[in-house]
């Protein structure tokens, strides 16, 4: 019988193949481990990035909340200034408002436009306080003019009124206010303790009409402008403003049954159709016979401030 014997080289070939397979398996295991490590590192990096984004988002939200609270407190302080009694000297309140502006200037959580808006609103609030105080002082001076024993008092009141009006003028009181004060001063000077001259009576009647236009009974923190007129879109219909301020609008051509006092409505407003801003406002007064509707902004830093900035950018000076 012939026996087939194994070739001595076959064992060496098997060992070599086994070594190569082992080496390949080791390399594959190493590559797999590297891929897994890479995937793990990528996942960890992704998780860190997500955590960093979440932290940044939370920080941004916290900053925005602090900013909102800061501005709300500032708005409350400005609104309170608009509610002070006319007989109160505005100096202490004006100083408080100036201090608030300084705090705002140093507040890192406020944006530059926040600081500018605050400064502008405080300026308007101070001017209005002084104008209303001057109006009250002139009322007191007129009352004192009818009593001979109060002549010295009248003169002292007029002295204070003129000083306070000087501050109001530095704050930018308009020509209409200046003319009204001059008329009132003329009436007071022409009023004697024995009675009121005919000329003073004529002046008084004329001045009373001016006063209603310049110093209305409602307390206004913001200056009112009639020019430029703004375009106001309400429920798809276009209207123009009779006057406007940073706090509200007096809208023309509004039907008597369209809205109610206290109602909140959505409007679009701007200098023209090409640039309109959306805003939610509250109806505060209706004049059906004249088809007028007064609305006020519900929030601080309303779009009316942006419209004022548009005016500035286009070289328009509201008046």
Protein backbone atom coordinates (compact mmCIF):
# COMPACT_ATOMS: atom_id res chain seq x y z
CA UNK A 1 0.00 0.00 0.00
CA UNK A 2 1.25 3.45 -0.86
CA UNK A 3 1.07 5.95 2.00
CA UNK A 4 0.64 9.65 1.27
CA UNK A 5 2.87 11.58 3.59
CA UNK A 6 2.31 15.24 4.51
CA UNK A 7 4.73 17.64 2.91
CA UNK A 8 6.87 19.28 5.52
CA UNK A 9 6.19 22.74 4.04
CA UNK A 10 2.41 22.45 4.54
CA UNK A 11 2.73 22.92 8.25
CA UNK A 12 4.79 26.04 7.74
CA UNK A 13 2.21 27.45 5.28
CA UNK A 14 -0.63 26.87 7.69
CA UNK A 15 1.26 28.66 10.44
CA UNK A 16 1.95 31.60 8.18
CA UNK A 17 -1.68 31.86 7.18
CA UNK A 18 -2.72 31.61 10.78
CA UNK A 19 -0.30 34.37 11.70
CA UNK A 20 -1.59 36.59 8.89
CA UNK A 21 -5.18 35.99 9.93
CA UNK A 22 -4.30 36.73 13.53
CA UNK A 23 -2.53 39.89 12.43
CA UNK A 24 -5.50 40.89 10.26
CA UNK A 25 -7.90 40.18 13.11
CA UNK A 26 -5.77 42.26 15.45
CA UNK A 27 -5.68 45.10 12.94
CA UNK A 28 -9.44 44.88 12.46
CA UNK A 29 -9.95 44.89 16.22
CA UNK A 30 -7.62 47.84 16.51
CA UNK A 31 -9.44 49.71 13.71
CA UNK A 32 -12.78 48.91 15.28
CA UNK A 33 -11.56 50.14 18.65
CA UNK A 34 -10.27 53.30 17.00
CA UNK A 35 -13.63 53.85 15.24
CA UNK A 36 -15.48 53.27 18.49
CA UNK A 37 -13.14 55.67 20.31
CA UNK A 38 -13.64 58.21 17.53
CA UNK A 39 -17.41 57.79 17.67
CA UNK A 40 -17.33 58.09 21.46
CA UNK A 41 -15.18 61.23 21.25
CA UNK A 42 -17.54 62.68 18.64
CA UNK A 43 -20.55 61.89 20.81
CA UNK A 44 -18.86 63.45 23.83
CA UNK A 45 -17.94 66.52 21.78
CA UNK A 46 -21.51 66.75 20.50
CA UNK A 47 -22.84 66.42 24.03
CA UNK A 48 -20.43 69.12 25.26
CA UNK A 49 -21.45 71.40 22.40
CA UNK A 50 -25.13 70.79 23.16
CA UNK A 51 -24.48 71.47 26.84
CA UNK A 52 -22.57 74.64 25.96
CA UNK A 53 -25.41 75.78 23.67
CA UNK A 54 -27.96 75.04 26.39
CA UNK A 55 -25.88 76.93 28.92
CA UNK A 56 -25.54 79.86 26.51
CA UNK A 57 -29.28 79.76 25.81
CA UNK A 58 -30.11 79.69 29.51
CA UNK A 59 -27.66 82.54 30.12
CA UNK A 60 -29.19 84.54 27.27
CA UNK A 61 -32.70 83.92 28.60
CA UNK A 62 -31.63 84.92 32.09
CA UNK A 63 -30.03 88.08 30.73
CA UNK A 64 -33.12 88.89 28.67
CA UNK A 65 -35.33 88.36 31.72
CA UNK A 66 -33.15 90.71 33.76
CA UNK A 67 -33.24 93.21 30.91
CA UNK A 68 -37.03 92.94 30.74
CA UNK A 69 -37.38 93.44 34.49
CA UNK A 70 -34.97 96.40 34.39
CA UNK A 71 -36.96 98.07 31.64
CA UNK A 72 -40.28 97.35 33.34
CA UNK A 73 -39.06 99.00 36.55
CA UNK A 74 -37.80 101.96 34.51
CA UNK A 75 -41.15 102.24 32.73
CA UNK A 76 -42.96 102.20 36.06
CA UNK A 77 -40.72 104.97 37.34
CA UNK A 78 -41.32 107.07 34.23
CA UNK A 79 -45.06 106.44 34.44
CA UNK A 80 -45.05 107.45 38.11
CA UNK A 81 -43.35 110.71 37.13
CA UNK A 82 -46.24 111.38 34.78
CA UNK A 83 -48.68 110.95 37.67
CA UNK A 84 -47.21 113.47 40.11
CA UNK A 85 -49.51 116.30 41.08
CA UNK A 86 -48.97 119.56 39.13
CA UNK A 87 -48.49 121.49 42.38
CA UNK A 88 -45.48 119.40 43.31
CA UNK A 89 -42.03 120.78 42.48
CA UNK A 90 -40.64 118.38 39.85
CA UNK A 91 -36.99 118.83 40.90
CA UNK A 92 -36.69 115.78 43.17
CA UNK A 93 -38.48 113.50 40.70
CA UNK A 94 -36.36 114.86 37.85
CA UNK A 95 -33.21 114.03 39.84
CA UNK A 96 -34.50 110.49 40.42
CA UNK A 97 -35.10 110.09 36.71
CA UNK A 98 -31.63 111.43 35.90
CA UNK A 99 -30.15 108.95 38.38
CA UNK A 100 -32.05 106.15 36.66
CA UNK A 101 -30.59 107.21 33.30
CA UNK A 102 -27.10 107.07 34.83
CA UNK A 103 -27.78 103.59 36.19
CA UNK A 104 -29.04 102.56 32.77
CA UNK A 105 -25.89 103.92 31.14
CA UNK A 106 -23.77 101.64 33.35
CA UNK A 107 -26.08 98.60 33.11
CA UNK A 108 -24.43 95.90 31.02
CA UNK A 109 -27.68 93.97 30.53
CA UNK A 110 -29.22 96.85 28.57
CA UNK A 111 -28.71 97.28 24.85
CA UNK A 112 -27.54 100.64 23.44
CA UNK A 113 -30.99 101.30 21.97
CA UNK A 114 -32.56 100.58 25.40
CA UNK A 115 -30.38 103.29 26.94
CA UNK A 116 -31.17 105.76 24.17
CA UNK A 117 -34.91 105.09 24.45
CA UNK A 118 -34.82 105.52 28.23
CA UNK A 119 -32.90 108.76 27.95
CA UNK A 120 -35.42 110.11 25.43
CA UNK A 121 -38.45 109.09 27.47
CA UNK A 122 -36.99 110.58 30.66
CA UNK A 123 -36.28 113.82 28.81
CA UNK A 124 -39.89 114.02 27.63
CA UNK A 125 -41.25 113.09 31.07
CA UNK A 126 -39.19 115.82 32.75
CA UNK A 127 -40.31 118.42 30.25
CA UNK A 128 -43.95 117.51 30.74
CA UNK A 129 -43.63 117.65 34.54
CA UNK A 130 -42.17 121.15 34.40
CA UNK A 131 -44.76 122.35 31.89
CA UNK A 132 -47.63 121.10 34.06
CA UNK A 133 -46.04 122.65 37.15
CA UNK A 134 -45.68 126.01 35.40
CA UNK A 135 -49.33 125.81 34.38
CA UNK A 136 -50.28 125.24 38.03
CA UNK A 137 -48.12 128.13 39.23
CA UNK A 138 -49.73 130.48 36.72
CA UNK A 139 -53.16 129.41 38.01
CA UNK A 140 -51.98 130.29 41.53
CA UNK A 141 -50.59 133.63 40.36
CA UNK A 142 -53.89 134.46 38.66
CA UNK A 143 -55.80 133.65 41.86
CA UNK A 144 -53.46 135.87 43.87
CA UNK A 145 -53.92 138.74 41.40
CA UNK A 146 -57.46 139.35 42.64
CA UNK A 147 -56.35 140.12 46.19
CA UNK A 148 -54.38 143.31 46.94
CA UNK A 149 -52.90 141.71 50.05
CA UNK A 150 -51.37 138.92 47.97
CA UNK A 151 -49.42 141.06 45.52
CA UNK A 152 -46.08 140.05 47.03
CA UNK A 153 -47.16 136.41 46.95
CA UNK A 154 -48.16 136.75 43.30
CA UNK A 155 -44.78 138.20 42.42
CA UNK A 156 -42.99 135.40 44.22
CA UNK A 157 -45.09 132.81 42.41
CA UNK A 158 -44.34 134.44 39.06
CA UNK A 159 -40.65 134.43 39.88
CA UNK A 160 -40.75 130.69 40.56
CA UNK A 161 -42.91 130.09 37.50
CA UNK A 162 -40.45 131.88 35.24
CA UNK A 163 -37.53 129.90 36.69
CA UNK A 164 -39.39 126.61 36.21
CA UNK A 165 -40.41 127.61 32.70
CA UNK A 166 -36.77 128.33 31.93
CA UNK A 167 -36.02 124.69 32.78
CA UNK A 168 -38.92 123.54 30.60
CA UNK A 169 -37.55 125.55 27.67
CA UNK A 170 -34.10 123.99 28.14
CA UNK A 171 -35.84 120.62 27.99
CA UNK A 172 -37.35 121.59 24.64
CA UNK A 173 -40.83 123.01 25.27
CA UNK A 174 -42.50 123.69 21.94
CA UNK A 175 -43.49 127.03 20.52
CA UNK A 176 -47.16 126.38 21.29
CA UNK A 177 -46.39 125.99 25.00
CA UNK A 178 -44.21 129.10 25.00
CA UNK A 179 -46.96 131.17 23.40
CA UNK A 180 -49.54 129.88 25.89
CA UNK A 181 -47.30 130.85 28.83
CA UNK A 182 -46.69 134.32 27.39
CA UNK A 183 -50.44 134.84 26.97
CA UNK A 184 -51.10 133.77 30.52
CA UNK A 185 -48.38 136.06 31.86
CA UNK A 186 -49.97 138.93 29.95
CA UNK A 187 -53.37 138.20 31.44
CA UNK A 188 -51.94 138.02 34.96
CA UNK A 189 -50.13 141.34 34.56
CA UNK A 190 -53.30 143.01 33.27
CA UNK A 191 -55.41 141.65 36.11
CA UNK A 192 -55.98 144.04 39.01
CA UNK A 193 -57.21 143.34 42.51
CA UNK A 194 -60.31 145.43 41.76
CA UNK A 195 -61.30 143.21 38.90
CA UNK A 196 -60.26 142.09 35.44
CA UNK A 197 -59.88 144.58 32.62
CA UNK A 198 -61.78 144.12 29.38
CA UNK A 199 -58.55 143.41 27.56
CA UNK A 200 -57.66 140.81 30.15
CA UNK A 201 -61.07 139.19 29.70
CA UNK A 202 -60.54 138.98 25.96
CA UNK A 203 -57.08 137.56 26.48
CA UNK A 204 -58.41 135.10 29.04
CA UNK A 205 -61.01 133.74 26.64
CA UNK A 206 -58.46 133.39 23.87
CA UNK A 207 -55.89 131.86 26.20
CA UNK A 208 -58.39 129.36 27.58
CA UNK A 209 -58.79 127.89 24.11
CA UNK A 210 -55.03 127.70 23.69
CA UNK A 211 -54.58 126.14 27.10
CA UNK A 212 -56.99 123.33 26.30
CA UNK A 213 -54.96 122.51 23.22
CA UNK A 214 -51.59 122.82 24.91
CA UNK A 215 -52.36 121.68 28.47
CA UNK A 216 -55.23 119.15 28.15
CA UNK A 217 -56.74 117.64 31.26
CA UNK A 218 -55.24 114.26 30.55
CA UNK A 219 -51.72 113.72 31.82
CA UNK A 220 -49.32 113.22 28.98
CA UNK A 221 -45.80 111.99 29.49
CA UNK A 222 -44.91 112.27 25.80
CA UNK A 223 -44.74 115.20 23.41
CA UNK A 224 -47.38 115.12 20.68
CA UNK A 225 -46.59 115.64 17.01
CA UNK A 226 -48.90 116.33 14.08
CA UNK A 227 -46.21 116.29 11.41
CA UNK A 228 -45.30 113.98 9.81
CA UNK A 229 -48.61 112.16 9.70
CA UNK A 230 -48.29 108.41 10.15
CA UNK A 231 -50.06 105.74 8.16
CA UNK A 232 -52.14 103.45 10.40
CA UNK A 233 -53.67 100.23 9.08
CA UNK A 234 -56.56 98.84 11.15
CA UNK A 235 -58.34 95.70 9.96
CA UNK A 236 -57.03 96.28 6.43
CA UNK A 237 -58.19 99.90 6.26
CA UNK A 238 -55.74 102.78 6.00
CA UNK A 239 -55.99 105.82 8.28
CA UNK A 240 -53.86 108.86 9.05
CA UNK A 241 -52.87 110.27 12.43
CA UNK A 242 -54.18 113.57 13.74
CA UNK A 243 -51.22 113.51 16.12
CA UNK A 244 -48.87 110.95 17.64
CA UNK A 245 -46.24 110.50 20.32
CA UNK A 246 -43.92 107.82 21.63
CA UNK A 247 -46.80 106.60 23.77
CA UNK A 248 -49.79 106.56 21.44
CA UNK A 249 -51.74 107.76 18.40
CA UNK A 250 -54.81 109.84 17.63
CA UNK A 251 -56.22 108.17 14.52
CA UNK A 252 -58.54 109.88 12.04
CA UNK A 253 -61.47 108.43 10.09
CA UNK A 254 -62.49 105.69 12.53
CA UNK A 255 -66.20 104.77 12.65
CA UNK A 256 -68.08 105.14 15.94
CA UNK A 257 -69.17 101.49 16.16
CA UNK A 258 -65.88 99.95 15.13
CA UNK A 259 -64.23 99.72 18.55
CA UNK A 260 -64.75 100.27 22.28
CA UNK A 261 -62.71 102.02 24.96
CA UNK A 262 -60.49 99.50 26.72
CA UNK A 263 -60.37 97.18 23.71
CA UNK A 264 -57.01 95.91 22.53
CA UNK A 265 -56.47 95.88 18.78
CA UNK A 266 -53.69 94.99 16.34
CA UNK A 267 -52.48 97.72 14.01
CA UNK A 268 -49.68 98.43 11.56
CA UNK A 269 -48.12 101.86 11.66
CA UNK A 270 -45.27 103.68 9.98
CA UNK A 271 -44.16 106.60 7.86
CA UNK A 272 -45.49 104.91 4.72
CA UNK A 273 -46.59 101.64 3.14
CA UNK A 274 -43.02 100.57 2.45
CA UNK A 275 -42.19 100.41 6.17
CA UNK A 276 -44.97 99.42 8.55
CA UNK A 277 -44.54 98.02 12.06
CA UNK A 278 -46.99 95.70 13.79
CA UNK A 279 -48.15 96.77 17.25
CA UNK A 280 -50.89 95.88 19.72
CA UNK A 281 -52.53 98.94 21.27
CA UNK A 282 -55.34 99.80 23.65
CA UNK A 283 -58.23 102.07 22.72
CA UNK A 284 -58.34 104.86 25.33
CA UNK A 285 -60.71 107.42 23.83
CA UNK A 286 -63.33 107.68 21.08
CA UNK A 287 -64.75 110.81 19.49
CA UNK A 288 -67.48 109.49 17.17
CA UNK A 289 -68.60 112.89 15.91
CA UNK A 290 -65.09 113.68 14.73
CA UNK A 291 -64.32 110.06 13.77
CA UNK A 292 -61.26 110.07 16.00
CA UNK A 293 -59.85 107.22 18.06
CA UNK A 294 -57.01 107.56 20.57
CA UNK A 295 -54.88 104.50 21.27
CA UNK A 296 -51.89 103.94 23.51
CA UNK A 297 -49.03 101.48 23.37
CA UNK A 298 -49.23 98.57 25.79
CA UNK A 299 -45.50 98.07 26.24
CA UNK A 300 -42.21 99.75 26.82
CA UNK A 301 -40.05 100.51 23.78
CA UNK A 302 -42.97 100.39 21.38
CA UNK A 303 -42.61 100.57 17.62
CA UNK A 304 -43.38 104.29 17.88
CA UNK A 305 -39.85 104.77 19.14
CA UNK A 306 -38.58 102.98 16.05
CA UNK A 307 -40.70 105.27 13.90
CA UNK A 308 -39.16 108.28 15.67
CA UNK A 309 -35.77 106.80 14.82
CA UNK A 310 -36.90 106.44 11.19
CA UNK A 311 -37.76 110.13 11.23
CA UNK A 312 -34.32 110.95 12.56
CA UNK A 313 -32.67 108.77 9.91
CA UNK A 314 -34.61 110.54 7.14
CA UNK A 315 -33.95 114.00 8.54
CA UNK A 316 -37.56 114.55 9.57
CA UNK A 317 -38.12 116.61 12.71
CA UNK A 318 -41.55 115.77 14.21
CA UNK A 319 -43.49 118.88 15.13
